[in-house]
Amino acid sequence: RLHPMVVCGVLIGLIAYIVQGCTRWDGSQTSISLIFTGTLLALFLLPTPTPLEVRGNTEAFPLNGPHWSLFFEYIGSIVYALVLHRMSTRWLKVWVGGAAVLLTVNGFLSPQGDIAYGWSSQPYNLWGGLLRVTFAYPMGLLMARLFAERKPKPLKGPIFFLCSAFIVGLLSIPSVSHLPIEGITYRIVRLFYQILCVGIFFPLIIWVGARGSVRTGISNRIVSILGRLSYPLYATHYPFIYLYIYWIGADIHPFGENAWITPVCVFIMAIITGLICMRFYDEPIRAWLRKRYLK
């Protein structure tokens, strides 16, 4: 079945692509048949083969790039239903450890020397994306089991905001590409940082955040709206970034010399769009689906 927010994200991506002029990144025009085929595949959350890709960048979901992670998330859900939920915690640890080793080795041997896989329809990229989900999905399941078994004591203080600041700090670290290193040293440093984030820092943030508590009404409202907004925003924000990339490449400046206004407007429009989709589309439809199918 078509997922409500996937449909919404694809349609917003299609509109943004039409506003862009239906052109690939190299400036060539895209045929109506390719756009129709790409839209149909995206609606059913199926990767687009490279010959049918409308942007010319081998993206698996060219109308809304981040949908690649939703595709692998569905695969993870199927594996969970068939295998993972039957596993003991001990064997789940073995699975996570083995997947971590495979992910690291594959990242080191990859053309880019990292684990930034899954977004492209190239076979090696899809394989890397599959390795990512075989580690991350069971890792989340393992953490949930361990948390339920150990029942750690709640932590006092603004845990949510501290964890958020930690995430911002991790994402603000300059790229390894700016360092005066190359060759195998470059691969090791880059991959080490990524594995450190995925295998230690991000799980640690989730674990600590789960031990936090929201005590004030204001904080509760903030975390509630952010939690409700997170999925609609994720599913719809990237078409605005596509437009921004296109404007930069085409040397288009909507606000003239005040170029800083453009990314600010892109950010605000993405938030507003996510809020509208959350309030008037995502939540009402999911409420109806729950009432209709989960009696």
C-alpha atoms as a PDB file:
ATOM      1  CA  ARG A   1       0.000   0.000   0.000  1.00  0.00           C
ATOM      2  CA  LEU A   2       1.018   3.576  -0.528  1.00  0.00           C
ATOM      3  CA  HIS A   3       2.321   5.205   2.642  1.00  0.00           C
ATOM      4  CA  PRO A   4       0.643   8.618   3.234  1.00  0.00           C
ATOM      5  CA  MET A   5       3.830  10.631   3.849  1.00  0.00           C
ATOM      6  CA  VAL A   6       5.685   8.871   1.033  1.00  0.00           C
ATOM      7  CA  VAL A   7       2.950   9.989  -1.352  1.00  0.00           C
ATOM      8  CA  CYS A   8       3.085  13.526   0.034  1.00  0.00           C
ATOM      9  CA  GLY A   9       6.884  13.665  -0.215  1.00  0.00           C
ATOM     10  CA  VAL A  10       6.863  12.372  -3.792  1.00  0.00           C
ATOM     11  CA  LEU A  11       4.243  14.905  -4.901  1.00  0.00           C
ATOM     12  CA  ILE A  12       6.154  17.783  -3.292  1.00  0.00           C
ATOM     13  CA  GLY A  13       9.322  16.499  -4.978  1.00  0.00           C
ATOM     14  CA  LEU A  14       7.518  16.359  -8.322  1.00  0.00           C
ATOM     15  CA  ILE A  15       6.273  19.947  -7.940  1.00  0.00           C
ATOM     16  CA  ALA A  16       9.785  21.128  -7.038  1.00  0.00           C
ATOM     17  CA  TYR A  17      11.201  19.308 -10.055  1.00  0.00           C
ATOM     18  CA  ILE A  18       8.655  20.990 -12.342  1.00  0.00           C
ATOM     19  CA  VAL A  19       9.509  24.400 -10.809  1.00  0.00           C
ATOM     20  CA  GLN A  20      13.167  23.596 -11.500  1.00  0.00           C
ATOM     21  CA  GLY A  21      12.263  23.190 -15.163  1.00  0.00           C
ATOM     22  CA  CYS A  22      12.351  19.380 -15.407  1.00  0.00           C
ATOM     23  CA  THR A  23      16.088  19.418 -16.092  1.00  0.00           C
ATOM     24  CA  ARG A  24      18.918  17.146 -15.044  1.00  0.00           C
ATOM     25  CA  TRP A  25      21.924  18.480 -13.188  1.00  0.00           C
ATOM     26  CA  ASP A  26      23.795  18.801 -16.492  1.00  0.00           C
ATOM     27  CA  GLY A  27      21.055  21.084 -17.849  1.00  0.00           C
ATOM     28  CA  SER A  28      19.503  18.616 -20.299  1.00  0.00           C
ATOM     29  CA  GLN A  29      15.728  18.276 -20.488  1.00  0.00           C
ATOM     30  CA  THR A  30      13.886  15.262 -19.069  1.00  0.00           C
ATOM     31  CA  SER A  31      11.110  13.566 -21.029  1.00  0.00           C
ATOM     32  CA  ILE A  32       7.557  13.357 -19.695  1.00  0.00           C
ATOM     33  CA  SER A  33       7.668   9.550 -19.878  1.00  0.00           C
ATOM     34  CA  LEU A  34      10.718   9.394 -17.590  1.00  0.00           C
ATOM     35  CA  ILE A  35       9.108  11.775 -15.103  1.00  0.00           C
ATOM     36  CA  PHE A  36       5.913   9.703 -15.093  1.00  0.00           C
ATOM     37  CA  THR A  37       7.838   6.443 -14.624  1.00  0.00           C
ATOM     38  CA  GLY A  38      10.000   7.898 -11.869  1.00  0.00           C
ATOM     39  CA  THR A  39       6.948   9.255 -10.060  1.00  0.00           C
ATOM     40  CA  LEU A  40       5.133   5.914 -10.268  1.00  0.00           C
ATOM     41  CA  LEU A  41       8.135   4.007  -8.899  1.00  0.00           C
ATOM     42  CA  ALA A  42       8.616   6.537  -6.112  1.00  0.00           C
ATOM     43  CA  LEU A  43       4.967   6.335  -5.041  1.00  0.00           C
ATOM     44  CA  PHE A  44       5.400   2.606  -4.431  1.00  0.00           C
ATOM     45  CA  LEU A  45       8.799   3.233  -2.786  1.00  0.00           C
ATOM     46  CA  LEU A  46      10.727   1.307  -5.449  1.00  0.00           C
ATOM     47  CA  PRO A  47      14.274   2.368  -6.449  1.00  0.00           C
ATOM     48  CA  THR A  48      14.610   3.966  -9.870  1.00  0.00           C
ATOM     49  CA  PRO A  49      17.028   2.135 -12.226  1.00  0.00           C
ATOM     50  CA  THR A  50      19.870   4.349 -13.408  1.00  0.00           C
ATOM     51  CA  PRO A  51      18.656   4.563 -17.073  1.00  0.00           C
ATOM     52  CA  LEU A  52      15.306   5.941 -15.834  1.00  0.00           C
ATOM     53  CA  GLU A  53      16.726   8.402 -13.304  1.00  0.00           C
ATOM     54  CA  VAL A  54      15.583  11.988 -14.003  1.00  0.00           C
ATOM     55  CA  ARG A  55      18.455  13.933 -12.409  1.00  0.00           C
ATOM     56  CA  GLY A  56      21.409  12.130 -13.947  1.00  0.00           C
ATOM     57  CA  ASN A  57      23.019  11.427 -10.587  1.00  0.00           C
ATOM     58  CA  THR A  58      22.090   7.721 -10.218  1.00  0.00           C
ATOM     59  CA  GLU A  59      19.778   8.512  -7.282  1.00  0.00           C
ATOM     60  CA  ALA A  60      17.499   5.679  -6.270  1.00  0.00           C
ATOM     61  CA  PHE A  61      14.747   8.182  -5.443  1.00  0.00           C
ATOM     62  CA  PRO A  62      15.525  11.277  -7.528  1.00  0.00           C
ATOM     63  CA  LEU A  63      12.309  13.163  -6.750  1.00  0.00           C
ATOM     64  CA  ASN A  64      12.960  12.951  -3.012  1.00  0.00           C
ATOM     65  CA  GLY A  65      16.363  11.517  -2.224  1.00  0.00           C
ATOM     66  CA  PRO A  66      15.987  10.648   1.506  1.00  0.00           C
ATOM     67  CA  HIS A  67      13.228   8.174   0.675  1.00  0.00           C
ATOM     68  CA  TRP A  68      16.008   5.641   0.079  1.00  0.00           C
ATOM     69  CA  SER A  69      16.222   5.183   3.854  1.00  0.00           C
ATOM     70  CA  LEU A  70      12.469   4.505   4.059  1.00  0.00           C
ATOM     71  CA  PHE A  71      12.919   1.811   1.407  1.00  0.00           C
ATOM     72  CA  PHE A  72      15.547   0.041   3.497  1.00  0.00           C
ATOM     73  CA  GLU A  73      13.453   0.600   6.610  1.00  0.00           C
ATOM     74  CA  TYR A  74      10.686  -1.455   5.016  1.00  0.00           C
ATOM     75  CA  ILE A  75      13.211  -4.205   4.318  1.00  0.00           C
ATOM     76  CA  GLY A  76      14.283  -4.058   7.952  1.00  0.00           C
ATOM     77  CA  SER A  77      10.662  -4.359   9.074  1.00  0.00           C
ATOM     78  CA  ILE A  78      10.185  -7.458   6.922  1.00  0.00           C
ATOM     79  CA  VAL A  79      13.359  -9.065   8.308  1.00  0.00           C
ATOM     80  CA  TYR A  80      12.165  -8.217  11.819  1.00  0.00           C
ATOM     81  CA  ALA A  81       8.799  -9.874  11.205  1.00  0.00           C
ATOM     82  CA  LEU A  82      10.415 -13.006   9.758  1.00  0.00           C
ATOM     83  CA  VAL A  83      13.608 -13.418  11.784  1.00  0.00           C
ATOM     84  CA  LEU A  84      14.743 -10.780  14.263  1.00  0.00           C
ATOM     85  CA  HIS A  85      11.831 -10.888  16.705  1.00  0.00           C
ATOM     86  CA  ARG A  86      12.465 -14.629  17.192  1.00  0.00           C
ATOM     87  CA  MET A  87      16.139 -14.148  18.120  1.00  0.00           C
ATOM     88  CA  SER A  88      17.398 -14.277  21.663  1.00  0.00           C
ATOM     89  CA  THR A  89      19.301 -11.273  22.967  1.00  0.00           C
ATOM     90  CA  ARG A  90      22.565 -13.260  22.815  1.00  0.00           C
ATOM     91  CA  TRP A  91      22.160 -14.083  19.119  1.00  0.00           C
ATOM     92  CA  LEU A  92      21.032 -10.557  18.419  1.00  0.00           C
ATOM     93  CA  LYS A  93      24.334  -9.330  19.855  1.00  0.00           C
ATOM     94  CA  VAL A  94      26.156 -11.707  17.508  1.00  0.00           C
ATOM     95  CA  TRP A  95      24.133 -10.383  14.569  1.00  0.00           C
ATOM     96  CA  VAL A  96      24.908  -6.742  15.443  1.00  0.00           C
ATOM     97  CA  GLY A  97      28.616  -7.464  15.937  1.00  0.00           C
ATOM     98  CA  GLY A  98      28.908  -9.362  12.657  1.00  0.00           C
ATOM     99  CA  ALA A  99      26.998  -6.652  10.761  1.00  0.00           C
ATOM    100  CA  ALA A 100      29.292  -3.986  12.235  1.00  0.00           C
ATOM    101  CA  VAL A 101      32.366  -5.861  10.989  1.00  0.00           C
ATOM    102  CA  LEU A 102      30.890  -6.334   7.492  1.00  0.00           C
ATOM    103  CA  LEU A 103      29.852  -2.675   7.329  1.00  0.00           C
ATOM    104  CA  THR A 104      33.324  -1.489   8.330  1.00  0.00           C
ATOM    105  CA  VAL A 105      35.171  -3.768   5.895  1.00  0.00           C
ATOM    106  CA  ASN A 106      32.828  -2.882   3.047  1.00  0.00           C
ATOM    107  CA  GLY A 107      33.241   0.820   3.790  1.00  0.00           C
ATOM    108  CA  PHE A 108      37.033   0.554   3.720  1.00  0.00           C
ATOM    109  CA  LEU A 109      36.960  -1.304   0.381  1.00  0.00           C
ATOM    110  CA  SER A 110      34.337   0.968  -1.167  1.00  0.00           C
ATOM    111  CA  PRO A 111      35.218   3.454  -3.936  1.00  0.00           C
ATOM    112  CA  GLN A 112      34.655   6.421  -1.588  1.00  0.00           C
ATOM    113  CA  GLY A 113      36.137   4.811   1.504  1.00  0.00           C
ATOM    114  CA  ASP A 114      33.083   5.449   3.691  1.00  0.00           C
ATOM    115  CA  ILE A 115      29.670   4.033   4.619  1.00  0.00           C
ATOM    116  CA  ALA A 116      27.551   6.743   2.952  1.00  0.00           C
ATOM    117  CA  TYR A 117      25.591   4.140   1.006  1.00  0.00           C
ATOM    118  CA  GLY A 118      22.012   3.440   0.013  1.00  0.00           C
ATOM    119  CA  TRP A 119      21.083   6.641  -1.821  1.00  0.00           C
ATOM    120  CA  SER A 120      22.119   5.461  -5.320  1.00  0.00           C
ATOM    121  CA  SER A 121      20.639   2.766  -7.546  1.00  0.00           C
ATOM    122  CA  GLN A 122      24.116   1.504  -8.418  1.00  0.00           C
ATOM    123  CA  PRO A 123      24.425  -2.162  -7.312  1.00  0.00           C
ATOM    124  CA  TYR A 124      27.388  -1.597  -4.971  1.00  0.00           C
ATOM    125  CA  ASN A 125      25.561   1.345  -3.401  1.00  0.00           C
ATOM    126  CA  LEU A 126      22.372  -0.618  -2.806  1.00  0.00           C
ATOM    127  CA  TRP A 127      24.456  -3.419  -1.294  1.00  0.00           C
ATOM    128  CA  GLY A 128      26.071  -0.918   1.064  1.00  0.00           C
ATOM    129  CA  GLY A 129      22.649   0.400   2.036  1.00  0.00           C
ATOM    130  CA  LEU A 130      21.542  -3.131   2.837  1.00  0.00           C
ATOM    131  CA  LEU A 131      24.577  -3.547   5.096  1.00  0.00           C
ATOM    132  CA  ARG A 132      23.689  -0.292   6.849  1.00  0.00           C
ATOM    133  CA  VAL A 133      20.169  -1.444   7.686  1.00  0.00           C
ATOM    134  CA  THR A 134      21.335  -4.925   8.746  1.00  0.00           C
ATOM    135  CA  PHE A 135      23.430  -3.174  11.396  1.00  0.00           C
ATOM    136  CA  ALA A 136      21.295  -0.184  12.399  1.00  0.00           C
ATOM    137  CA  TYR A 137      17.870  -1.840  12.629  1.00  0.00           C
ATOM    138  CA  PRO A 138      18.994  -4.784  14.822  1.00  0.00           C
ATOM    139  CA  MET A 139      21.122  -2.345  16.838  1.00  0.00           C
ATOM    140  CA  GLY A 140      18.002  -0.372  17.717  1.00  0.00           C
ATOM    141  CA  LEU A 141      16.161  -3.575  18.610  1.00  0.00           C
ATOM    142  CA  LEU A 142      19.052  -4.712  20.799  1.00  0.00           C
ATOM    143  CA  MET A 143      19.167  -1.378  22.627  1.00  0.00           C
ATOM    144  CA  ALA A 144      15.415  -1.539  23.266  1.00  0.00           C
ATOM    145  CA  ARG A 145      15.733  -5.026  24.757  1.00  0.00           C
ATOM    146  CA  LEU A 146      18.703  -4.107  26.946  1.00  0.00           C
ATOM    147  CA  PHE A 147      16.952  -0.956  28.126  1.00  0.00           C
ATOM    148  CA  ALA A 148      13.840  -2.933  29.080  1.00  0.00           C
ATOM    149  CA  GLU A 149      15.898  -5.588  30.874  1.00  0.00           C
ATOM    150  CA  ARG A 150      18.201  -3.281  32.819  1.00  0.00           C
ATOM    151  CA  LYS A 151      15.666  -0.500  33.505  1.00  0.00           C
ATOM    152  CA  PRO A 152      18.279   2.226  34.110  1.00  0.00           C
ATOM    153  CA  LYS A 153      17.348   5.009  36.515  1.00  0.00           C
ATOM    154  CA  PRO A 154      16.048   8.265  34.989  1.00  0.00           C
ATOM    155  CA  LEU A 155      18.523  11.110  34.686  1.00  0.00           C
ATOM    156  CA  LYS A 156      17.820  14.592  35.979  1.00  0.00           C
ATOM    157  CA  GLY A 157      18.457  17.801  34.083  1.00  0.00           C
ATOM    158  CA  PRO A 158      17.781  19.034  30.548  1.00  0.00           C
ATOM    159  CA  ILE A 159      18.782  15.709  28.961  1.00  0.00           C
ATOM    160  CA  PHE A 160      16.894  16.315  25.722  1.00  0.00           C
ATOM    161  CA  PHE A 161      18.601  19.634  25.070  1.00  0.00           C
ATOM    162  CA  LEU A 162      22.028  18.280  26.026  1.00  0.00           C
ATOM    163  CA  CYS A 163      21.624  15.352  23.624  1.00  0.00           C
ATOM    164  CA  SER A 164      20.457  17.742  20.901  1.00  0.00           C
ATOM    165  CA  ALA A 165      23.509  19.928  21.442  1.00  0.00           C
ATOM    166  CA  PHE A 166      25.752  16.861  21.220  1.00  0.00           C
ATOM    167  CA  ILE A 167      24.216  15.899  17.865  1.00  0.00           C
ATOM    168  CA  VAL A 168      24.688  19.437  16.536  1.00  0.00           C
ATOM    169  CA  GLY A 169      28.304  19.341  17.687  1.00  0.00           C
ATOM    170  CA  LEU A 170      28.969  16.026  15.929  1.00  0.00           C
ATOM    171  CA  LEU A 171      27.432  17.264  12.687  1.00  0.00           C
ATOM    172  CA  SER A 172      29.392  20.530  12.880  1.00  0.00           C
ATOM    173  CA  ILE A 173      32.811  18.860  12.815  1.00  0.00           C
ATOM    174  CA  PRO A 174      34.602  19.882   9.578  1.00  0.00           C
ATOM    175  CA  SER A 175      34.862  17.302   6.816  1.00  0.00           C
ATOM    176  CA  VAL A 176      37.908  15.070   6.717  1.00  0.00           C
ATOM    177  CA  SER A 177      38.355  16.200   3.104  1.00  0.00           C
ATOM    178  CA  HIS A 178      39.674  19.517   4.475  1.00  0.00           C
ATOM    179  CA  LEU A 179      42.579  17.803   6.232  1.00  0.00           C
ATOM    180  CA  PRO A 180      46.011  17.609   4.524  1.00  0.00           C
ATOM    181  CA  ILE A 181      45.883  13.807   4.243  1.00  0.00           C
ATOM    182  CA  GLU A 182      45.277  11.425   1.373  1.00  0.00           C
ATOM    183  CA  GLY A 183      45.432   7.809   0.329  1.00  0.00           C
ATOM    184  CA  ILE A 184      44.929   5.067   2.882  1.00  0.00           C
ATOM    185  CA  THR A 185      45.309   7.514   5.797  1.00  0.00           C
ATOM    186  CA  TYR A 186      42.371   9.529   4.453  1.00  0.00           C
ATOM    187  CA  ARG A 187      40.222   6.390   4.197  1.00  0.00           C
ATOM    188  CA  ILE A 188      41.078   5.249   7.726  1.00  0.00           C
ATOM    189  CA  VAL A 189      40.401   8.626   9.373  1.00  0.00           C
ATOM    190  CA  ARG A 190      37.171   9.202   7.476  1.00  0.00           C
ATOM    191  CA  LEU A 191      35.802   5.728   8.073  1.00  0.00           C
ATOM    192  CA  PHE A 192      36.906   5.717  11.726  1.00  0.00           C
ATOM    193  CA  TYR A 193      34.905   8.870  12.440  1.00  0.00           C
ATOM    194  CA  GLN A 194      31.803   7.514  10.696  1.00  0.00           C
ATOM    195  CA  ILE A 195      31.939   4.169  12.498  1.00  0.00           C
ATOM    196  CA  LEU A 196      32.538   5.998  15.780  1.00  0.00           C
ATOM    197  CA  CYS A 197      29.373   8.044  15.228  1.00  0.00           C
ATOM    198  CA  VAL A 198      27.188   5.182  14.020  1.00  0.00           C
ATOM    199  CA  GLY A 199      28.457   2.541  16.436  1.00  0.00           C
ATOM    200  CA  ILE A 200      29.046   4.553  19.625  1.00  0.00           C
ATOM    201  CA  PHE A 201      28.015   8.211  19.672  1.00  0.00           C
ATOM    202  CA  PHE A 202      24.529   7.944  18.146  1.00  0.00           C
ATOM    203  CA  PRO A 203      23.501   4.871  20.205  1.00  0.00           C
ATOM    204  CA  LEU A 204      24.866   6.606  23.307  1.00  0.00           C
ATOM    205  CA  ILE A 205      22.774   9.700  22.587  1.00  0.00           C
ATOM    206  CA  ILE A 206      19.656   7.547  22.194  1.00  0.00           C
ATOM    207  CA  TRP A 207      20.396   5.604  25.387  1.00  0.00           C
ATOM    208  CA  VAL A 208      20.974   8.741  27.463  1.00  0.00           C
ATOM    209  CA  GLY A 209      18.004  10.502  25.891  1.00  0.00           C
ATOM    210  CA  ALA A 210      15.733   7.578  26.788  1.00  0.00           C
ATOM    211  CA  ARG A 211      16.752   8.011  30.436  1.00  0.00           C
ATOM    212  CA  GLY A 212      15.763  11.654  30.438  1.00  0.00           C
ATOM    213  CA  SER A 213      12.430  13.048  31.537  1.00  0.00           C
ATOM    214  CA  VAL A 214      10.472  16.180  30.654  1.00  0.00           C
ATOM    215  CA  ARG A 215       9.288  17.986  33.776  1.00  0.00           C
ATOM    216  CA  THR A 216       7.879  21.346  32.629  1.00  0.00           C
ATOM    217  CA  GLY A 217       4.886  22.078  30.426  1.00  0.00           C
ATOM    218  CA  ILE A 218       6.934  24.155  27.997  1.00  0.00           C
ATOM    219  CA  SER A 219       9.563  21.463  27.535  1.00  0.00           C
ATOM    220  CA  ASN A 220       6.876  18.845  27.095  1.00  0.00           C
ATOM    221  CA  ARG A 221       5.203  20.873  24.349  1.00  0.00           C
ATOM    222  CA  ILE A 222       8.547  21.433  22.603  1.00  0.00           C
ATOM    223  CA  VAL A 223       9.568  17.769  22.531  1.00  0.00           C
ATOM    224  CA  SER A 224       6.008  16.740  21.610  1.00  0.00           C
ATOM    225  CA  ILE A 225       5.823  18.996  18.554  1.00  0.00           C
ATOM    226  CA  LEU A 226       9.356  18.039  17.487  1.00  0.00           C
ATOM    227  CA  GLY A 227       8.516  14.351  17.770  1.00  0.00           C
ATOM    228  CA  ARG A 228       5.311  14.763  15.759  1.00  0.00           C
ATOM    229  CA  LEU A 229       7.083  16.913  13.178  1.00  0.00           C
ATOM    230  CA  SER A 230      10.150  14.711  12.713  1.00  0.00           C
ATOM    231  CA  TYR A 231       8.734  12.217  10.210  1.00  0.00           C
ATOM    232  CA  PRO A 232       6.692  14.651   8.050  1.00  0.00           C
ATOM    233  CA  LEU A 233       9.685  16.998   7.940  1.00  0.00           C
ATOM    234  CA  TYR A 234      12.055  14.204   6.976  1.00  0.00           C
ATOM    235  CA  ALA A 235       9.719  12.977   4.246  1.00  0.00           C
ATOM    236  CA  THR A 236       9.197  16.407   2.636  1.00  0.00           C
ATOM    237  CA  HIS A 237      12.209  18.667   3.261  1.00  0.00           C
ATOM    238  CA  TYR A 238      14.656  17.594   0.554  1.00  0.00           C
ATOM    239  CA  PRO A 239      12.853  18.965  -2.549  1.00  0.00           C
ATOM    240  CA  PHE A 240      13.557  22.459  -1.175  1.00  0.00           C
ATOM    241  CA  ILE A 241      17.259  21.588  -0.986  1.00  0.00           C
ATOM    242  CA  TYR A 242      17.097  20.378  -4.608  1.00  0.00           C
ATOM    243  CA  LEU A 243      15.780  23.796  -5.609  1.00  0.00           C
ATOM    244  CA  TYR A 244      18.530  25.533  -3.646  1.00  0.00           C
ATOM    245  CA  ILE A 245      21.213  23.382  -5.290  1.00  0.00           C
ATOM    246  CA  TYR A 246      19.699  24.146  -8.695  1.00  0.00           C
ATOM    247  CA  TRP A 247      19.698  27.901  -8.038  1.00  0.00           C
ATOM    248  CA  ILE A 248      23.363  27.801  -7.003  1.00  0.00           C
ATOM    249  CA  GLY A 249      24.350  25.753 -10.058  1.00  0.00           C
ATOM    250  CA  ALA A 250      22.385  27.990 -12.422  1.00  0.00           C
ATOM    251  CA  ASP A 251      23.745  31.160 -10.742  1.00  0.00           C
ATOM    252  CA  ILE A 252      20.208  32.223  -9.815  1.00  0.00           C
ATOM    253  CA  HIS A 253      19.926  34.527  -6.796  1.00  0.00           C
ATOM    254  CA  PRO A 254      16.287  35.142  -5.809  1.00  0.00           C
ATOM    255  CA  PHE A 255      17.290  37.849  -3.307  1.00  0.00           C
ATOM    256  CA  GLY A 256      20.120  39.420  -5.250  1.00  0.00           C
ATOM    257  CA  GLU A 257      23.128  40.377  -3.173  1.00  0.00           C
ATOM    258  CA  ASN A 258      21.423  39.230   0.037  1.00  0.00           C
ATOM    259  CA  ALA A 259      22.218  35.616  -0.752  1.00  0.00           C
ATOM    260  CA  TRP A 260      21.968  34.562   2.896  1.00  0.00           C
ATOM    261  CA  ILE A 261      18.194  35.069   2.785  1.00  0.00           C
ATOM    262  CA  THR A 262      17.728  32.161   0.350  1.00  0.00           C
ATOM    263  CA  PRO A 263      18.880  29.304   2.645  1.00  0.00           C
ATOM    264  CA  VAL A 264      16.951  30.891   5.523  1.00  0.00           C
ATOM    265  CA  CYS A 265      13.785  30.868   3.411  1.00  0.00           C
ATOM    266  CA  VAL A 266      14.492  27.280   2.341  1.00  0.00           C
ATOM    267  CA  PHE A 267      14.755  26.298   6.012  1.00  0.00           C
ATOM    268  CA  ILE A 268      11.562  28.132   6.978  1.00  0.00           C
ATOM    269  CA  MET A 269       9.584  26.736   4.036  1.00  0.00           C
ATOM    270  CA  ALA A 270      10.688  23.188   4.876  1.00  0.00           C
ATOM    271  CA  ILE A 271       9.504  23.630   8.492  1.00  0.00           C
ATOM    272  CA  ILE A 272       6.179  25.177   7.434  1.00  0.00           C
ATOM    273  CA  THR A 273       5.575  22.445   4.866  1.00  0.00           C
ATOM    274  CA  GLY A 274       6.335  19.758   7.443  1.00  0.00           C
ATOM    275  CA  LEU A 275       3.936  21.348   9.950  1.00  0.00           C
ATOM    276  CA  ILE A 276       1.137  21.606   7.374  1.00  0.00           C
ATOM    277  CA  CYS A 277       1.613  17.996   6.283  1.00  0.00           C
ATOM    278  CA  MET A 278       1.708  16.862   9.906  1.00  0.00           C
ATOM    279  CA  ARG A 279      -1.425  18.716  10.990  1.00  0.00           C
ATOM    280  CA  PHE A 280      -3.680  18.372   7.969  1.00  0.00           C
ATOM    281  CA  TYR A 281      -2.427  15.233   6.212  1.00  0.00           C
ATOM    282  CA  ASP A 282      -0.221  12.797   8.106  1.00  0.00           C
ATOM    283  CA  GLU A 283      -1.941  12.699  11.489  1.00  0.00           C
ATOM    284  CA  PRO A 284      -5.554  12.707  10.191  1.00  0.00           C
ATOM    285  CA  ILE A 285      -4.865   9.941   7.664  1.00  0.00           C
ATOM    286  CA  ARG A 286      -2.972   7.783  10.153  1.00  0.00           C
ATOM    287  CA  ALA A 287      -5.805   8.250  12.662  1.00  0.00           C
ATOM    288  CA  TRP A 288      -8.290   7.080  10.032  1.00  0.00           C
ATOM    289  CA  LEU A 289      -6.103   4.101   9.100  1.00  0.00           C
ATOM    290  CA  ARG A 290      -5.797   3.064  12.753  1.00  0.00           C
ATOM    291  CA  LYS A 291      -9.559   3.288  13.168  1.00  0.00           C
ATOM    292  CA  ARG A 292     -10.173   1.410   9.934  1.00  0.00           C
ATOM    293  CA  TYR A 293      -7.593  -1.401  10.176  1.00  0.00           C
ATOM    294  CA  LEU A 294      -6.544  -1.713  13.838  1.00  0.00           C
ATOM    295  CA  LYS A 295      -9.887  -2.225  15.553  1.00  0.00           C
END
